[in-house]
Amino acid sequence: MYPIQDSANIVLIFICYPFFKSLYTYNFNTYICYMNIKKANSAYNTHKIP
C-alpha cells in the first residue's frame, strides 16, 4: 500500500513544481502544496482498507 501513497505524493509534487519556479510566490505555493499533500494523505488513509 505504501508505494501507491508515495507515487501519489510524487505526482502532487510534480503538479506543484512549476509554481516553485517563481521565487516571488515560492513560500506561499510551497505552503499550499504542503497542505494539499497533507489532505491527500489523510483522504488516502481514511479510505484505506484496514
Protein backbone atom coordinates (compact mmCIF):
# COMPACT_ATOMS: atom_id res chain seq x y z
CA MET A 1 0.00 0.00 0.00
CA TYR A 2 2.86 2.39 0.74
CA PRO A 3 4.27 2.60 -2.82
CA ILE A 4 0.84 3.78 -4.02
CA GLN A 5 0.88 6.58 -1.46
CA ASP A 6 4.46 7.54 -2.35
CA SER A 7 3.64 7.72 -6.05
CA ALA A 8 0.62 9.91 -5.26
CA ASN A 9 2.88 12.29 -3.34
CA ILE A 10 5.34 12.41 -6.24
CA VAL A 11 2.52 13.24 -8.66
CA LEU A 12 1.31 16.07 -6.42
CA ILE A 13 4.85 17.44 -6.11
CA PHE A 14 5.29 17.41 -9.90
CA ILE A 15 1.95 19.19 -10.31
CA CYS A 16 3.09 21.86 -7.86
CA TYR A 17 6.66 22.08 -9.17
CA PRO A 18 6.04 24.70 -11.93
CA PHE A 19 4.83 27.10 -9.25
CA PHE A 20 8.08 26.63 -7.34
CA LYS A 21 9.99 28.28 -10.18
CA SER A 22 8.56 31.66 -9.21
CA LEU A 23 10.71 32.94 -6.36
CA TYR A 24 8.25 35.75 -5.62
CA THR A 25 5.50 33.34 -4.52
CA TYR A 26 7.73 30.41 -3.59
CA ASN A 27 6.87 30.23 0.11
CA PHE A 28 3.13 30.68 -0.42
CA ASN A 29 2.93 27.99 -3.10
CA THR A 30 5.08 25.64 -1.05
CA TYR A 31 2.62 26.00 1.83
CA ILE A 32 -0.36 25.34 -0.46
CA CYS A 33 1.31 22.26 -1.95
CA TYR A 34 2.20 21.02 1.53
CA MET A 35 -1.41 21.37 2.67
CA ASN A 36 -2.69 19.63 -0.49
CA ILE A 37 -0.32 16.72 0.10
CA LYS A 38 -1.45 16.50 3.74
CA LYS A 39 -5.11 16.49 2.65
CA ALA A 40 -4.40 13.83 0.01
CA ASN A 41 -2.62 11.69 2.60
CA SER A 42 -5.46 11.99 5.11
CA ALA A 43 -8.03 11.16 2.41
CA TYR A 44 -5.91 8.18 1.35
CA ASN A 45 -5.60 6.96 4.93
CA THR A 46 -9.33 7.48 5.58
CA HIS A 47 -10.38 5.35 2.61
CA LYS A 48 -7.61 2.79 3.02
CA ILE A 49 -8.76 -0.77 3.67
CA PRO A 50 -7.71 -1.68 7.22
